[in-house]
Amino acid sequence: MANLDQQFAAFSKFGDTKSDGRHITLSQSDKWMKQAKVFDKTITTTDTAICFNKF
């Protein structure tokens, strides 16, 4: 099983062949969270967008 750093790099490169794996977009992080089944009625993509745009 991949560790957190490896997972981050993999998802940050998803759909972006030029990515070096150090930065992640909102859509890439949402895909990761969907795959990990983090989203439900309490946590939504709107919540991640609000948090993502704060940083």
N, C-alpha and C. Protein backbone atom coordinates (compact mmCIF):
# COMPACT_ATOMS: atom_id res chain seq x y z
N MET A 1 0.85 -1.18 0.00
CA MET A 1 0.00 0.00 0.00
C MET A 1 0.90 1.24 0.00
N ALA A 2 0.52 2.22 -0.77
CA ALA A 2 1.30 3.45 -0.89
C ALA A 2 1.11 4.32 0.35
N ASN A 3 2.20 5.03 0.72
CA ASN A 3 2.08 5.94 1.85
C ASN A 3 1.45 7.26 1.39
N LEU A 4 1.22 8.17 2.32
CA LEU A 4 0.52 9.42 2.01
C LEU A 4 1.27 10.24 0.96
N ASP A 5 2.59 10.33 1.08
CA ASP A 5 3.37 11.09 0.10
C ASP A 5 3.23 10.51 -1.30
N GLN A 6 3.25 9.20 -1.40
CA GLN A 6 3.11 8.54 -2.70
C GLN A 6 1.72 8.75 -3.27
N GLN A 7 0.70 8.68 -2.43
CA GLN A 7 -0.66 8.92 -2.88
C GLN A 7 -0.83 10.36 -3.36
N PHE A 8 -0.28 11.31 -2.60
CA PHE A 8 -0.36 12.72 -2.99
C PHE A 8 0.27 12.92 -4.36
N ALA A 9 1.47 12.39 -4.55
CA ALA A 9 2.17 12.54 -5.83
C ALA A 9 1.37 11.91 -6.97
N ALA A 10 0.80 10.76 -6.72
CA ALA A 10 0.02 10.07 -7.76
C ALA A 10 -1.20 10.89 -8.16
N PHE A 11 -1.93 11.40 -7.19
CA PHE A 11 -3.13 12.17 -7.52
C PHE A 11 -2.80 13.55 -8.07
N SER A 12 -1.66 14.11 -7.68
CA SER A 12 -1.29 15.42 -8.22
C SER A 12 -0.85 15.32 -9.68
N LYS A 13 -0.47 14.14 -10.10
CA LYS A 13 -0.08 13.93 -11.50
C LYS A 13 -1.25 13.47 -12.37
N PHE A 14 -2.37 13.09 -11.74
CA PHE A 14 -3.51 12.57 -12.47
C PHE A 14 -4.05 13.62 -13.44
N GLY A 15 -4.02 13.30 -14.71
CA GLY A 15 -4.54 14.20 -15.75
C GLY A 15 -3.60 15.35 -16.10
N ASP A 16 -2.41 15.37 -15.52
CA ASP A 16 -1.45 16.45 -15.78
C ASP A 16 -0.07 15.84 -15.97
N THR A 17 0.26 15.55 -17.20
CA THR A 17 1.52 14.87 -17.49
C THR A 17 2.75 15.72 -17.18
N LYS A 18 2.57 17.03 -17.04
CA LYS A 18 3.70 17.92 -16.74
C LYS A 18 3.91 18.13 -15.24
N SER A 19 3.03 17.59 -14.42
CA SER A 19 3.12 17.79 -12.97
C SER A 19 4.35 17.09 -12.40
N ASP A 20 4.99 17.76 -11.44
CA ASP A 20 6.13 17.15 -10.77
C ASP A 20 5.72 16.42 -9.49
N GLY A 21 4.42 16.46 -9.16
CA GLY A 21 3.92 15.74 -8.00
C GLY A 21 3.99 16.49 -6.70
N ARG A 22 4.37 17.78 -6.75
CA ARG A 22 4.49 18.56 -5.51
C ARG A 22 3.27 19.43 -5.22
N HIS A 23 2.42 19.65 -6.22
CA HIS A 23 1.24 20.50 -6.06
C HIS A 23 0.02 19.76 -6.57
N ILE A 24 -1.13 20.04 -5.96
CA ILE A 24 -2.36 19.35 -6.34
C ILE A 24 -3.44 20.39 -6.60
N THR A 25 -4.28 20.12 -7.59
CA THR A 25 -5.39 21.03 -7.90
C THR A 25 -6.61 20.61 -7.09
N LEU A 26 -7.58 21.48 -7.05
CA LEU A 26 -8.82 21.17 -6.34
C LEU A 26 -9.51 19.96 -6.94
N SER A 27 -9.58 19.89 -8.25
CA SER A 27 -10.26 18.75 -8.88
C SER A 27 -9.51 17.44 -8.60
N GLN A 28 -8.19 17.50 -8.55
CA GLN A 28 -7.42 16.30 -8.24
C GLN A 28 -7.64 15.87 -6.78
N SER A 29 -7.68 16.84 -5.88
CA SER A 29 -7.90 16.48 -4.47
C SER A 29 -9.32 15.97 -4.26
N ASP A 30 -10.29 16.54 -4.98
CA ASP A 30 -11.66 16.03 -4.88
C ASP A 30 -11.75 14.60 -5.39
N LYS A 31 -11.05 14.29 -6.47
CA LYS A 31 -11.05 12.91 -6.99
C LYS A 31 -10.47 11.96 -5.94
N TRP A 32 -9.41 12.39 -5.28
CA TRP A 32 -8.78 11.59 -4.24
C TRP A 32 -9.76 11.36 -3.08
N MET A 33 -10.41 12.43 -2.65
CA MET A 33 -11.36 12.32 -1.54
C MET A 33 -12.57 11.45 -1.91
N LYS A 34 -13.02 11.55 -3.17
CA LYS A 34 -14.14 10.70 -3.62
C LYS A 34 -13.72 9.23 -3.59
N GLN A 35 -12.52 8.95 -4.08
CA GLN A 35 -12.04 7.57 -4.11
C GLN A 35 -11.88 7.02 -2.69
N ALA A 36 -11.48 7.88 -1.77
CA ALA A 36 -11.30 7.47 -0.37
C ALA A 36 -12.62 7.45 0.40
N LYS A 37 -13.70 7.82 -0.29
CA LYS A 37 -15.05 7.85 0.29
C LYS A 37 -15.13 8.79 1.50
N VAL A 38 -14.51 9.95 1.36
CA VAL A 38 -14.54 10.97 2.41
C VAL A 38 -15.84 11.77 2.33
N PHE A 39 -16.34 11.98 1.11
CA PHE A 39 -17.53 12.79 0.92
C PHE A 39 -18.79 12.06 1.37
N ASP A 40 -19.65 12.81 2.05
CA ASP A 40 -20.95 12.30 2.46
C ASP A 40 -21.87 13.51 2.62
N LYS A 41 -22.91 13.39 3.40
CA LYS A 41 -23.83 14.52 3.59
C LYS A 41 -23.21 15.60 4.46
N THR A 42 -22.18 15.26 5.23
CA THR A 42 -21.53 16.22 6.12
C THR A 42 -20.38 16.95 5.43
N ILE A 43 -19.59 16.23 4.67
CA ILE A 43 -18.45 16.80 3.95
C ILE A 43 -18.73 16.71 2.46
N THR A 44 -18.68 17.85 1.77
CA THR A 44 -19.00 17.91 0.35
C THR A 44 -17.87 18.56 -0.43
N THR A 45 -17.99 18.56 -1.74
CA THR A 45 -16.99 19.24 -2.57
C THR A 45 -17.01 20.75 -2.33
N THR A 46 -18.13 21.28 -1.91
CA THR A 46 -18.19 22.71 -1.56
C THR A 46 -17.29 22.98 -0.36
N ASP A 47 -17.31 22.10 0.61
CA ASP A 47 -16.45 22.25 1.79
C ASP A 47 -14.97 22.21 1.40
N THR A 48 -14.62 21.28 0.52
CA THR A 48 -13.22 21.20 0.13
C THR A 48 -12.81 22.43 -0.67
N ALA A 49 -13.70 22.96 -1.48
CA ALA A 49 -13.39 24.17 -2.26
C ALA A 49 -13.15 25.35 -1.33
N ILE A 50 -13.96 25.49 -0.31
CA ILE A 50 -13.78 26.59 0.65
C ILE A 50 -12.43 26.46 1.35
N CYS A 51 -12.13 25.28 1.83
CA CYS A 51 -10.85 25.06 2.52
C CYS A 51 -9.67 25.21 1.57
N PHE A 52 -9.79 24.66 0.38
CA PHE A 52 -8.71 24.70 -0.60
C PHE A 52 -8.35 26.14 -0.96
N ASN A 53 -9.35 26.98 -1.12
CA ASN A 53 -9.12 28.36 -1.53
C ASN A 53 -8.62 29.25 -0.40
N LYS A 54 -8.66 28.77 0.83
CA LYS A 54 -8.10 29.53 1.96
C LYS A 54 -6.58 29.49 1.94
N PHE A 55 -6.02 28.46 1.33
CA PHE A 55 -4.57 28.29 1.34
C PHE A 55 -4.04 28.48 -0.02
